Amino acid sequence: MISYLIDTDWIIDFLKDKEEIFNELSCLIDEGIAISIISLAELYEGVYGNDDQEMEVKHLLGLNDFLTGVTVLEIDNKIANIFGKQRAILRKEGKLIDNFDILIAATCLSYNLTLMTNNIAHFSRIKGLKIGQKRNQK
């Protein structure tokens, strides 16, 4: 069973060996964690955007290691529908956020997952989205 969707920013912090995020993910892994295919695409862009070939290889290996412990959730018709509805609501309210963020939120809503992110300001605009907090912020 999956309970949490991990946002791109948390994965980047994990790959940068930030102890706080490592500890948080270690606590969540037993409850089931996943990432969106959107986050995976953003992560690959970061890996291949590096001009240093050695760093690119290092980051790719780190990403592949991370992926062995998580489920990657793809976009389906239900998520696309939720995305369209949420984007329309945000547009009408004049509170649009990045399309990738809306797709990540739509994935959470579709699977009834809690989103773990540092970007609370943007994601809190999505009604009904459960956003988790780090243990030291509760």
Foldseek 3Di string as FASTA:
>chain_A
DAAEEEALVLVVCVLVVPPLSVVQCVVRLVVAYAYEVLSVVVQLCVLVVDPDPVSSVSSVVSVVVVVVSHHYDYDDPQLVVQLVVQQVVCVVVVLDDDSSLSSRQSVCVVVVHEYEDPPCVNSVSRPPHHHDDRPVVD
